[in-house]
PDB file of N, CA and C in Angstrom:
ATOM      1  N   MET A   1      83.260 124.469  49.991  1.00  0.00           N
ATOM      2  CA  MET A   1      84.291 123.297  50.014  1.00  0.00           C
ATOM      3  C   MET A   1      85.662 124.013  50.374  1.00  0.00           C
ATOM      4  N   SER A   2      86.269 122.993  50.900  1.00  0.00           N
ATOM      5  CA  SER A   2      87.846 123.346  51.400  1.00  0.00           C
ATOM      6  C   SER A   2      88.745 123.539  50.112  1.00  0.00           C
ATOM      7  N   ILE A   3      89.699 124.302  50.321  1.00  0.00           N
ATOM      8  CA  ILE A   3      90.685 124.521  49.135  1.00  0.00           C
ATOM      9  C   ILE A   3      91.445 123.255  48.867  1.00  0.00           C
ATOM     10  N   LEU A   4      91.432 122.298  49.825  1.00  0.00           N
ATOM     11  CA  LEU A   4      92.073 121.009  49.655  1.00  0.00           C
ATOM     12  C   LEU A   4      91.509 120.169  48.434  1.00  0.00           C
ATOM     13  N   TYR A   5      90.265 120.317  48.264  1.00  0.00           N
ATOM     14  CA  TYR A   5      89.432 119.606  47.485  1.00  0.00           C
ATOM     15  C   TYR A   5      89.008 120.162  46.091  1.00  0.00           C
ATOM     16  N   LEU A   6      89.930 120.675  45.426  1.00  0.00           N
ATOM     17  CA  LEU A   6      89.728 121.398  44.099  1.00  0.00           C
ATOM     18  C   LEU A   6      90.289 120.528  42.905  1.00  0.00           C
ATOM     19  N   GLN A   7      90.580 119.238  43.041  1.00  0.00           N
ATOM     20  CA  GLN A   7      91.123 118.638  42.088  1.00  0.00           C
ATOM     21  C   GLN A   7      89.975 117.590  41.453  1.00  0.00           C
ATOM     22  N   SER A   8      90.284 117.243  40.068  1.00  0.00           N
ATOM     23  CA  SER A   8      89.312 116.247  39.604  1.00  0.00           C
ATOM     24  C   SER A   8      90.032 115.125  39.039  1.00  0.00           C
ATOM     25  N   VAL A   9      89.273 113.851  39.116  1.00  0.00           N
ATOM     26  CA  VAL A   9      89.819 112.734  38.495  1.00  0.00           C
ATOM     27  C   VAL A   9      88.584 112.113  37.694  1.00  0.00           C
ATOM     28  N   THR A  10      89.012 111.139  36.896  1.00  0.00           N
ATOM     29  CA  THR A  10      87.968 110.391  36.139  1.00  0.00           C
ATOM     30  C   THR A  10      88.281 108.855  36.548  1.00  0.00           C
ATOM     31  N   ILE A  11      87.296 108.199  36.962  1.00  0.00           N
ATOM     32  CA  ILE A  11      87.307 106.805  37.236  1.00  0.00           C
ATOM     33  C   ILE A  11      87.047 106.114  35.977  1.00  0.00           C
ATOM     34  N   VAL A  12      87.977 105.173  35.638  1.00  0.00           N
ATOM     35  CA  VAL A  12      87.797 104.305  34.585  1.00  0.00           C
ATOM     36  C   VAL A  12      87.219 102.795  35.100  1.00  0.00           C
ATOM     37  N   ARG A  13      86.005 102.588  34.837  1.00  0.00           N
ATOM     38  CA  ARG A  13      85.413 101.355  35.273  1.00  0.00           C
ATOM     39  C   ARG A  13      85.587 100.256  34.166  1.00  0.00           C
ATOM     40  N   PRO A  14      86.280  99.296  34.188  1.00  0.00           N
ATOM     41  CA  PRO A  14      86.432  98.419  33.244  1.00  0.00           C
ATOM     42  C   PRO A  14      85.094  97.471  32.755  1.00  0.00           C
ATOM     43  N   ALA A  15      85.078  97.311  31.483  1.00  0.00           N
ATOM     44  CA  ALA A  15      84.080  96.316  31.071  1.00  0.00           C
ATOM     45  C   ALA A  15      84.481  94.929  31.453  1.00  0.00           C
ATOM     46  N   GLU A  16      83.641  94.061  31.874  1.00  0.00           N
ATOM     47  CA  GLU A  16      84.048  92.804  32.384  1.00  0.00           C
ATOM     48  C   GLU A  16      83.568  91.653  31.410  1.00  0.00           C
ATOM     49  N   THR A  17      84.563  90.747  31.116  1.00  0.00           N
ATOM     50  CA  THR A  17      84.433  89.719  30.158  1.00  0.00           C
ATOM     51  C   THR A  17      84.930  88.392  30.739  1.00  0.00           C
ATOM     52  N   GLU A  18      84.585  87.318  29.990  1.00  0.00           N
ATOM     53  CA  GLU A  18      85.190  86.066  30.560  1.00  0.00           C
ATOM     54  C   GLU A  18      86.159  85.451  29.557  1.00  0.00           C
ATOM     55  N   ASP A  19      87.314  84.790  29.990  1.00  0.00           N
ATOM     56  CA  ASP A  19      88.172  84.128  29.259  1.00  0.00           C
ATOM     57  C   ASP A  19      87.621  82.666  28.938  1.00  0.00           C
ATOM     58  N   ASP A  20      88.309  81.971  28.211  1.00  0.00           N
ATOM     59  CA  ASP A  20      87.897  80.497  27.860  1.00  0.00           C
ATOM     60  C   ASP A  20      87.776  79.712  29.052  1.00  0.00           C
ATOM     61  N   TYR A  21      88.289  80.019  30.142  1.00  0.00           N
ATOM     62  CA  TYR A  21      88.283  79.270  31.503  1.00  0.00           C
ATOM     63  C   TYR A  21      87.429  79.974  32.408  1.00  0.00           C
ATOM     64  N   HIS A  22      86.474  80.715  31.954  1.00  0.00           N
ATOM     65  CA  HIS A  22      85.337  81.490  32.918  1.00  0.00           C
ATOM     66  C   HIS A  22      86.025  82.265  34.011  1.00  0.00           C
ATOM     67  N   ASN A  23      87.173  82.827  33.722  1.00  0.00           N
ATOM     68  CA  ASN A  23      87.841  83.792  34.644  1.00  0.00           C
ATOM     69  C   ASN A  23      87.541  85.228  34.308  1.00  0.00           C
ATOM     70  N   THR A  24      87.228  86.126  34.999  1.00  0.00           N
ATOM     71  CA  THR A  24      86.936  87.448  34.743  1.00  0.00           C
ATOM     72  C   THR A  24      88.005  88.183  34.191  1.00  0.00           C
ATOM     73  N   LYS A  25      87.925  88.824  32.960  1.00  0.00           N
ATOM     74  CA  LYS A  25      88.863  89.758  32.489  1.00  0.00           C
ATOM     75  C   LYS A  25      88.397  91.024  32.399  1.00  0.00           C
ATOM     76  N   TYR A  26      89.183  92.090  32.620  1.00  0.00           N
ATOM     77  CA  TYR A  26      89.022  93.488  32.680  1.00  0.00           C
ATOM     78  C   TYR A  26      89.414  94.135  31.404  1.00  0.00           C
ATOM     79  N   ASP A  27      88.465  95.042  30.798  1.00  0.00           N
ATOM     80  CA  ASP A  27      88.789  95.832  29.525  1.00  0.00           C
ATOM     81  C   ASP A  27      88.653  97.223  29.841  1.00  0.00           C
ATOM     82  N   TYR A  28      89.868  97.795  29.869  1.00  0.00           N
ATOM     83  CA  TYR A  28      89.916  99.228  30.133  1.00  0.00           C
ATOM     84  C   TYR A  28      89.954 100.140  28.878  1.00  0.00           C
ATOM     85  N   GLY A  29      89.725  99.518  27.825  1.00  0.00           N
ATOM     86  CA  GLY A  29      89.798 100.111  26.494  1.00  0.00           C
ATOM     87  C   GLY A  29      88.584 100.847  26.281  1.00  0.00           C
ATOM     88  N   PRO A  30      88.081 101.054  24.945  1.00  0.00           N
ATOM     89  CA  PRO A  30      86.876 101.792  24.599  1.00  0.00           C
ATOM     90  C   PRO A  30      85.532 101.345  25.374  1.00  0.00           C
ATOM     91  N   ALA A  31      85.491 100.020  25.688  1.00  0.00           N
ATOM     92  CA  ALA A  31      84.158  99.468  26.296  1.00  0.00           C
ATOM     93  C   ALA A  31      84.169  99.854  27.903  1.00  0.00           C
ATOM     94  N   ALA A  32      85.160 100.558  28.494  1.00  0.00           N
ATOM     95  CA  ALA A  32      85.081 100.864  29.726  1.00  0.00           C
ATOM     96  C   ALA A  32      84.276 102.232  29.922  1.00  0.00           C
ATOM     97  N   THR A  33      83.627 102.213  31.291  1.00  0.00           N
ATOM     98  CA  THR A  33      82.928 103.430  31.401  1.00  0.00           C
ATOM     99  C   THR A  33      83.856 104.470  32.278  1.00  0.00           C
ATOM    100  N   ARG A  34      83.736 105.830  31.797  1.00  0.00           N
ATOM    101  CA  ARG A  34      84.358 106.962  32.394  1.00  0.00           C
ATOM    102  C   ARG A  34      83.515 107.666  33.224  1.00  0.00           C
ATOM    103  N   ILE A  35      83.917 107.974  34.509  1.00  0.00           N
ATOM    104  CA  ILE A  35      83.192 108.730  35.499  1.00  0.00           C
ATOM    105  C   ILE A  35      83.884 109.817  35.970  1.00  0.00           C
ATOM    106  N   PRO A  36      83.665 111.062  35.527  1.00  0.00           N
ATOM    107  CA  PRO A  36      84.231 112.110  35.979  1.00  0.00           C
ATOM    108  C   PRO A  36      83.790 112.509  37.306  1.00  0.00           C
ATOM    109  N   VAL A  37      84.880 112.926  38.304  1.00  0.00           N
ATOM    110  CA  VAL A  37      84.647 113.087  39.644  1.00  0.00           C
ATOM    111  C   VAL A  37      85.467 114.450  40.135  1.00  0.00           C
ATOM    112  N   PRO A  38      84.637 115.531  40.250  1.00  0.00           N
ATOM    113  CA  PRO A  38      85.316 116.856  40.749  1.00  0.00           C
ATOM    114  C   PRO A  38      85.314 116.813  42.267  1.00  0.00           C
ATOM    115  N   GLY A  39      86.081 117.672  42.856  1.00  0.00           N
ATOM    116  CA  GLY A  39      86.162 118.000  44.335  1.00  0.00           C
ATOM    117  C   GLY A  39      86.775 116.820  45.094  1.00  0.00           C
ATOM    118  N   VAL A  40      87.937 116.282  44.677  1.00  0.00           N
ATOM    119  CA  VAL A  40      88.728 115.420  45.653  1.00  0.00           C
ATOM    120  C   VAL A  40      90.157 115.998  45.667  1.00  0.00           C
ATOM    121  N   ASN A  41      91.043 115.280  46.459  1.00  0.00           N
ATOM    122  CA  ASN A  41      92.397 115.656  46.603  1.00  0.00           C
ATOM    123  C   ASN A  41      93.236 114.390  46.437  1.00  0.00           C
ATOM    124  N   VAL A  42      94.178 114.640  45.583  1.00  0.00           N
ATOM    125  CA  VAL A  42      95.137 113.375  45.190  1.00  0.00           C
ATOM    126  C   VAL A  42      96.484 113.933  45.708  1.00  0.00           C
ATOM    127  N   GLN A  43      97.220 113.130  46.400  1.00  0.00           N
ATOM    128  CA  GLN A  43      98.605 113.584  46.889  1.00  0.00           C
ATOM    129  C   GLN A  43      99.530 112.452  46.637  1.00  0.00           C
ATOM    130  N   PRO A  44     100.761 112.707  46.608  1.00  0.00           N
ATOM    131  CA  PRO A  44     101.804 111.676  46.560  1.00  0.00           C
ATOM    132  C   PRO A  44     101.888 110.925  48.011  1.00  0.00           C
ATOM    133  N   PHE A  45     102.000 109.606  47.915  1.00  0.00           N
ATOM    134  CA  PHE A  45     101.969 108.828  49.152  1.00  0.00           C
ATOM    135  C   PHE A  45     102.862 107.611  48.951  1.00  0.00           C
ATOM    136  N   GLY A  46     103.767 107.379  50.011  1.00  0.00           N
ATOM    137  CA  GLY A  46     104.541 106.171  50.142  1.00  0.00           C
ATOM    138  C   GLY A  46     105.873 106.382  49.228  1.00  0.00           C
ATOM    139  N   GLY A  47     106.008 107.409  48.621  1.00  0.00           N
ATOM    140  CA  GLY A  47     107.420 107.499  47.722  1.00  0.00           C
ATOM    141  C   GLY A  47     107.331 106.699  46.400  1.00  0.00           C
ATOM    142  N   SER A  48     108.485 106.664  45.963  1.00  0.00           N
ATOM    143  CA  SER A  48     108.666 105.792  44.675  1.00  0.00           C
ATOM    144  C   SER A  48     109.623 104.775  44.925  1.00  0.00           C
ATOM    145  N   ALA A  49     109.579 103.720  44.126  1.00  0.00           N
ATOM    146  CA  ALA A  49     110.685 102.638  44.033  1.00  0.00           C
ATOM    147  C   ALA A  49     110.961 102.272  42.574  1.00  0.00           C
ATOM    148  N   GLU A  50     112.172 102.036  42.493  1.00  0.00           N
ATOM    149  CA  GLU A  50     112.721 101.731  41.097  1.00  0.00           C
ATOM    150  C   GLU A  50     113.410 100.188  41.145  1.00  0.00           C
ATOM    151  N   ASN A  51     113.090  99.545  40.040  1.00  0.00           N
ATOM    152  CA  ASN A  51     113.689  98.352  39.765  1.00  0.00           C
ATOM    153  C   ASN A  51     114.386  98.378  38.420  1.00  0.00           C
ATOM    154  N   THR A  52     115.721  98.025  38.445  1.00  0.00           N
ATOM    155  CA  THR A  52     116.394  98.138  37.225  1.00  0.00           C
ATOM    156  C   THR A  52     117.130  96.849  37.029  1.00  0.00           C
ATOM    157  N   ASP A  53     116.829  95.697  37.528  1.00  0.00           N
ATOM    158  CA  ASP A  53     117.255  94.435  37.263  1.00  0.00           C
ATOM    159  C   ASP A  53     117.120  93.998  35.829  1.00  0.00           C
ATOM    160  N   ASP A  54     115.924  93.804  35.371  1.00  0.00           N
ATOM    161  CA  ASP A  54     115.688  93.452  33.889  1.00  0.00           C
ATOM    162  C   ASP A  54     115.417  94.569  33.117  1.00  0.00           C
ATOM    163  N   ARG A  55     114.673  95.475  33.552  1.00  0.00           N
ATOM    164  CA  ARG A  55     114.260  96.708  32.922  1.00  0.00           C
ATOM    165  C   ARG A  55     113.957  97.823  33.843  1.00  0.00           C
ATOM    166  N   HIS A  56     113.931  99.134  33.323  1.00  0.00           N
ATOM    167  CA  HIS A  56     113.755 100.200  34.121  1.00  0.00           C
ATOM    168  C   HIS A  56     112.281 100.375  34.555  1.00  0.00           C
ATOM    169  N   ILE A  57     111.801 100.254  35.793  1.00  0.00           N
ATOM    170  CA  ILE A  57     110.386 100.377  36.388  1.00  0.00           C
ATOM    171  C   ILE A  57     110.494 101.295  37.526  1.00  0.00           C
ATOM    172  N   THR A  58     109.534 102.268  37.499  1.00  0.00           N
ATOM    173  CA  THR A  58     109.502 103.131  38.612  1.00  0.00           C
ATOM    174  C   THR A  58     107.939 102.950  39.033  1.00  0.00           C
ATOM    175  N   VAL A  59     107.761 102.640  40.348  1.00  0.00           N
ATOM    176  CA  VAL A  59     106.370 102.820  40.899  1.00  0.00           C
ATOM    177  C   VAL A  59     106.283 103.920  41.774  1.00  0.00           C
ATOM    178  N   THR A  60     105.187 104.631  41.659  1.00  0.00           N
ATOM    179  CA  THR A  60     105.011 105.902  42.444  1.00  0.00           C
ATOM    180  C   THR A  60     103.703 105.734  43.193  1.00  0.00           C
ATOM    181  N   GLY A  61     103.582 106.049  44.488  1.00  0.00           N
ATOM    182  CA  GLY A  61     102.306 105.907  45.215  1.00  0.00           C
ATOM    183  C   GLY A  61     101.697 107.200  45.327  1.00  0.00           C
ATOM    184  N   TRP A  62     100.293 107.173  45.282  1.00  0.00           N
ATOM    185  CA  TRP A  62      99.417 108.294  45.381  1.00  0.00           C
ATOM    186  C   TRP A  62      98.317 107.984  46.229  1.00  0.00           C
ATOM    187  N   ARG A  63      97.560 108.935  46.913  1.00  0.00           N
ATOM    188  CA  ARG A  63      96.421 108.708  47.653  1.00  0.00           C
ATOM    189  C   ARG A  63      95.341 109.709  47.399  1.00  0.00           C
ATOM    190  N   LEU A  64      94.109 109.114  47.200  1.00  0.00           N
ATOM    191  CA  LEU A  64      92.959 109.895  46.868  1.00  0.00           C
ATOM    192  C   LEU A  64      92.068 110.268  48.151  1.00  0.00           C
ATOM    193  N   TYR A  65      91.661 111.317  48.371  1.00  0.00           N
ATOM    194  CA  TYR A  65      90.855 111.605  49.575  1.00  0.00           C
ATOM    195  C   TYR A  65      89.606 112.193  48.988  1.00  0.00           C
ATOM    196  N   THR A  66      88.484 112.093  49.795  1.00  0.00           N
ATOM    197  CA  THR A  66      87.255 112.699  49.467  1.00  0.00           C
ATOM    198  C   THR A  66      86.933 113.611  50.703  1.00  0.00           C
ATOM    199  N   PRO A  67      86.260 114.817  50.481  1.00  0.00           N
ATOM    200  CA  PRO A  67      85.920 115.742  51.657  1.00  0.00           C
ATOM    201  C   PRO A  67      84.973 114.942  52.572  1.00  0.00           C
ATOM    202  N   ARG A  68      84.722 115.469  53.753  1.00  0.00           N
ATOM    203  CA  ARG A  68      83.962 114.916  54.641  1.00  0.00           C
ATOM    204  C   ARG A  68      82.448 114.859  54.209  1.00  0.00           C
ATOM    205  N   GLY A  69      81.916 113.650  54.448  1.00  0.00           N
ATOM    206  CA  GLY A  69      80.546 113.535  54.136  1.00  0.00           C
ATOM    207  C   GLY A  69      80.285 112.970  52.713  1.00  0.00           C
ATOM    208  N   ARG A  70      81.444 112.673  51.985  1.00  0.00           N
ATOM    209  CA  ARG A  70      81.373 112.305  50.563  1.00  0.00           C
ATOM    210  C   ARG A  70      81.807 110.842  50.337  1.00  0.00           C
ATOM    211  N   ASP A  71      80.980 110.037  50.138  1.00  0.00           N
ATOM    212  CA  ASP A  71      81.402 108.650  49.549  1.00  0.00           C
ATOM    213  C   ASP A  71      81.608 108.776  48.071  1.00  0.00           C
ATOM    214  N   LEU A  72      82.209 107.739  47.472  1.00  0.00           N
ATOM    215  CA  LEU A  72      82.596 107.711  46.177  1.00  0.00           C
ATOM    216  C   LEU A  72      82.479 106.259  45.615  1.00  0.00           C
ATOM    217  N   ASP A  73      81.765 106.007  44.480  1.00  0.00           N
ATOM    218  CA  ASP A  73      81.681 104.574  44.009  1.00  0.00           C
ATOM    219  C   ASP A  73      83.064 104.254  43.311  1.00  0.00           C
ATOM    220  N   LEU A  74      83.954 103.831  44.177  1.00  0.00           N
ATOM    221  CA  LEU A  74      85.338 103.529  43.565  1.00  0.00           C
ATOM    222  C   LEU A  74      85.602 101.945  43.914  1.00  0.00           C
ATOM    223  N   ARG A  75      85.956 101.227  42.961  1.00  0.00           N
ATOM    224  CA  ARG A  75      86.267  99.801  43.342  1.00  0.00           C
ATOM    225  C   ARG A  75      87.640  99.430  43.045  1.00  0.00           C
ATOM    226  N   GLU A  76      87.998  98.269  43.721  1.00  0.00           N
ATOM    227  CA  GLU A  76      89.479  97.817  43.567  1.00  0.00           C
ATOM    228  C   GLU A  76      89.791  97.552  41.996  1.00  0.00           C
ATOM    229  N   SER A  77      88.868  97.202  41.166  1.00  0.00           N
ATOM    230  CA  SER A  77      89.143  96.936  39.800  1.00  0.00           C
ATOM    231  C   SER A  77      89.292  98.196  38.950  1.00  0.00           C
ATOM    232  N   ASP A  78      88.945  99.372  39.409  1.00  0.00           N
ATOM    233  CA  ASP A  78      88.925 100.596  38.557  1.00  0.00           C
ATOM    234  C   ASP A  78      90.338 101.272  38.638  1.00  0.00           C
ATOM    235  N   ARG A  79      90.323 101.977  37.541  1.00  0.00           N
ATOM    236  CA  ARG A  79      91.717 102.929  37.401  1.00  0.00           C
ATOM    237  C   ARG A  79      91.154 104.288  37.672  1.00  0.00           C
ATOM    238  N   VAL A  80      92.201 105.118  37.892  1.00  0.00           N
ATOM    239  CA  VAL A  80      91.811 106.585  37.978  1.00  0.00           C
ATOM    240  C   VAL A  80      92.719 107.348  37.105  1.00  0.00           C
ATOM    241  N   GLU A  81      92.228 108.165  36.321  1.00  0.00           N
ATOM    242  CA  GLU A  81      93.060 109.279  35.613  1.00  0.00           C
ATOM    243  C   GLU A  81      93.205 110.539  36.300  1.00  0.00           C
ATOM    244  N   PHE A  82      94.351 111.028  36.590  1.00  0.00           N
ATOM    245  CA  PHE A  82      94.673 112.173  37.282  1.00  0.00           C
ATOM    246  C   PHE A  82      95.744 112.856  36.574  1.00  0.00           C
ATOM    247  N   ASP A  83      95.668 114.111  36.152  1.00  0.00           N
ATOM    248  CA  ASP A  83      96.763 115.030  35.766  1.00  0.00           C
ATOM    249  C   ASP A  83      97.621 114.284  34.689  1.00  0.00           C
ATOM    250  N   GLY A  84      96.910 113.682  33.783  1.00  0.00           N
ATOM    251  CA  GLY A  84      97.646 112.959  32.629  1.00  0.00           C
ATOM    252  C   GLY A  84      98.243 111.707  32.923  1.00  0.00           C
ATOM    253  N   LEU A  85      97.947 111.276  34.229  1.00  0.00           N
ATOM    254  CA  LEU A  85      98.467 109.839  34.669  1.00  0.00           C
ATOM    255  C   LEU A  85      97.348 108.935  34.777  1.00  0.00           C
ATOM    256  N   VAL A  86      97.672 107.566  34.426  1.00  0.00           N
ATOM    257  CA  VAL A  86      96.615 106.522  34.793  1.00  0.00           C
ATOM    258  C   VAL A  86      97.346 105.739  35.928  1.00  0.00           C
ATOM    259  N   LEU A  87      96.380 105.796  37.086  1.00  0.00           N
ATOM    260  CA  LEU A  87      96.708 105.111  38.242  1.00  0.00           C
ATOM    261  C   LEU A  87      95.820 103.872  38.656  1.00  0.00           C
ATOM    262  N   GLN A  88      96.420 102.917  39.217  1.00  0.00           N
ATOM    263  CA  GLN A  88      95.825 101.610  39.616  1.00  0.00           C
ATOM    264  C   GLN A  88      95.276 101.859  41.010  1.00  0.00           C
ATOM    265  N   VAL A  89      94.078 101.357  41.330  1.00  0.00           N
ATOM    266  CA  VAL A  89      93.683 101.336  42.775  1.00  0.00           C
ATOM    267  C   VAL A  89      94.454 100.125  43.425  1.00  0.00           C
ATOM    268  N   THR A  90      94.930 100.347  44.371  1.00  0.00           N
ATOM    269  CA  THR A  90      95.742  99.394  45.085  1.00  0.00           C
ATOM    270  C   THR A  90      94.984  98.902  46.371  1.00  0.00           C
ATOM    271  N   GLY A  91      94.547  97.743  46.473  1.00  0.00           N
ATOM    272  CA  GLY A  91      93.806  97.155  47.626  1.00  0.00           C
ATOM    273  C   GLY A  91      92.435  97.781  47.704  1.00  0.00           C
ATOM    274  N   LYS A  92      91.838  97.553  48.904  1.00  0.00           N
ATOM    275  CA  LYS A  92      90.489  97.983  49.294  1.00  0.00           C
ATOM    276  C   LYS A  92      90.481  99.494  49.349  1.00  0.00           C
ATOM    277  N   VAL A  93      89.220 100.009  49.207  1.00  0.00           N
ATOM    278  CA  VAL A  93      88.932 101.487  49.384  1.00  0.00           C
ATOM    279  C   VAL A  93      88.646 101.630  50.698  1.00  0.00           C
ATOM    280  N   ALA A  94      89.201 102.526  51.398  1.00  0.00           N
ATOM    281  CA  ALA A  94      88.856 102.720  52.922  1.00  0.00           C
ATOM    282  C   ALA A  94      87.638 103.781  53.030  1.00  0.00           C
ATOM    283  N   ARG A  95      86.622 103.266  53.633  1.00  0.00           N
ATOM    284  CA  ARG A  95      85.469 104.119  53.790  1.00  0.00           C
ATOM    285  C   ARG A  95      85.484 104.264  55.390  1.00  0.00           C
ATOM    286  N   TRP A  96      85.770 105.502  55.760  1.00  0.00           N
ATOM    287  CA  TRP A  96      85.888 105.931  57.171  1.00  0.00           C
ATOM    288  C   TRP A  96      84.393 106.272  57.644  1.00  0.00           C
ATOM    289  N   PRO A  97      84.054 105.545  58.732  1.00  0.00           N
ATOM    290  CA  PRO A  97      82.651 105.754  59.276  1.00  0.00           C
ATOM    291  C   PRO A  97      82.441 107.157  59.900  1.00  0.00           C
ATOM    292  N   ALA A  98      81.324 107.747  59.779  1.00  0.00           N
ATOM    293  CA  ALA A  98      81.040 109.115  60.377  1.00  0.00           C
ATOM    294  C   ALA A  98      80.259 108.777  61.751  1.00  0.00           C
ATOM    295  N   PRO A  99      80.477 109.730  62.711  1.00  0.00           N
ATOM    296  CA  PRO A  99      79.717 109.429  63.873  1.00  0.00           C
ATOM    297  C   PRO A  99      78.290 109.597  63.660  1.00  0.00           C
ATOM    298  N   GLY A 100      77.588 108.596  63.978  1.00  0.00           N
ATOM    299  CA  GLY A 100      76.096 108.709  63.797  1.00  0.00           C
ATOM    300  C   GLY A 100      75.610 107.962  62.546  1.00  0.00           C
ATOM    301  N   GLY A 101      76.672 107.375  61.821  1.00  0.00           N
ATOM    302  CA  GLY A 101      76.291 106.525  60.644  1.00  0.00           C
ATOM    303  C   GLY A 101      76.834 107.187  59.293  1.00  0.00           C
ATOM    304  N   GLY A 102      76.797 106.540  58.296  1.00  0.00           N
ATOM    305  CA  GLY A 102      77.203 107.023  57.028  1.00  0.00           C
ATOM    306  C   GLY A 102      78.739 106.998  56.827  1.00  0.00           C
ATOM    307  N   VAL A 103      79.177 107.541  55.730  1.00  0.00           N
ATOM    308  CA  VAL A 103      80.649 107.567  55.532  1.00  0.00           C
ATOM    309  C   VAL A 103      81.262 108.994  55.770  1.00  0.00           C
ATOM    310  N   HIS A 104      82.138 109.242  56.588  1.00  0.00           N
ATOM    311  CA  HIS A 104      82.887 110.309  56.864  1.00  0.00           C
ATOM    312  C   HIS A 104      83.648 110.898  55.621  1.00  0.00           C
ATOM    313  N   HIS A 105      84.411 110.046  55.081  1.00  0.00           N
ATOM    314  CA  HIS A 105      85.318 110.344  53.840  1.00  0.00           C
ATOM    315  C   HIS A 105      86.021 108.923  53.403  1.00  0.00           C
ATOM    316  N   ILE A 106      86.472 108.910  52.269  1.00  0.00           N
ATOM    317  CA  ILE A 106      87.167 107.691  51.737  1.00  0.00           C
ATOM    318  C   ILE A 106      88.519 108.192  51.537  1.00  0.00           C
ATOM    319  N   GLU A 107      89.381 107.024  51.385  1.00  0.00           N
ATOM    320  CA  GLU A 107      90.880 107.118  51.163  1.00  0.00           C
ATOM    321  C   GLU A 107      91.027 106.011  50.212  1.00  0.00           C
ATOM    322  N   ALA A 108      91.802 106.265  49.104  1.00  0.00           N
ATOM    323  CA  ALA A 108      92.198 105.203  48.260  1.00  0.00           C
ATOM    324  C   ALA A 108      93.553 105.304  47.706  1.00  0.00           C
ATOM    325  N   ASP A 109      94.379 104.106  48.174  1.00  0.00           N
ATOM    326  CA  ASP A 109      95.742 104.181  47.673  1.00  0.00           C
ATOM    327  C   ASP A 109      95.840 103.814  46.223  1.00  0.00           C
ATOM    328  N   LEU A 110      96.587 104.471  45.431  1.00  0.00           N
ATOM    329  CA  LEU A 110      96.639 104.531  43.995  1.00  0.00           C
ATOM    330  C   LEU A 110      98.269 104.221  43.664  1.00  0.00           C
ATOM    331  N   ARG A 111      98.597 103.735  42.555  1.00  0.00           N
ATOM    332  CA  ARG A 111      99.886 103.522  42.172  1.00  0.00           C
ATOM    333  C   ARG A 111     100.156 103.734  40.657  1.00  0.00           C
ATOM    334  N   GLU A 112     101.215 104.469  40.269  1.00  0.00           N
ATOM    335  CA  GLU A 112     101.602 104.661  38.959  1.00  0.00           C
ATOM    336  C   GLU A 112     102.720 103.779  38.591  1.00  0.00           C
ATOM    337  N   VAL A 113     102.724 103.005  37.567  1.00  0.00           N
ATOM    338  CA  VAL A 113     103.831 102.110  37.221  1.00  0.00           C
ATOM    339  C   VAL A 113     104.172 102.566  35.794  1.00  0.00           C
ATOM    340  N   SER A 114     105.506 103.091  35.783  1.00  0.00           N
ATOM    341  CA  SER A 114     106.122 103.540  34.581  1.00  0.00           C
ATOM    342  C   SER A 114     107.334 102.873  34.123  1.00  0.00           C
TER     343      SER A 114
END
C-alpha cells in the first residue's frame, strides 16, 4: 500500500426514523452504526470560509480518497470522523471507473462546520 493511504476514518451511518409528516430523519446519536475504515487519505480541500454576520462560523473543506481498486460504502447521509473532527459528506460520492470495469477509486468531499 502506498504511503499516501495510511490514515483511518470512521463512517457514522445514521439510524433512519420518520417524523410526524413521514419525512426521513437521521439520528447520528447512539443508534447510528459506526464503521471503521483504515487505509484512506484525507486532505484539506477548497480552503475555509468564515461568516461573522450573526455569529462566528468557519466552514473547512476536506476530501477523502481511497487507493486504486478500493470502493467504499459511503453515502451522502453519512458523517466521517477523522482526527478528532466530525465531517459531513457534501454531495454525491464520486466513484471513478476503472478500465475494464469496477471502481478505480473514490473521492468524497467533506466539510467541517465549527
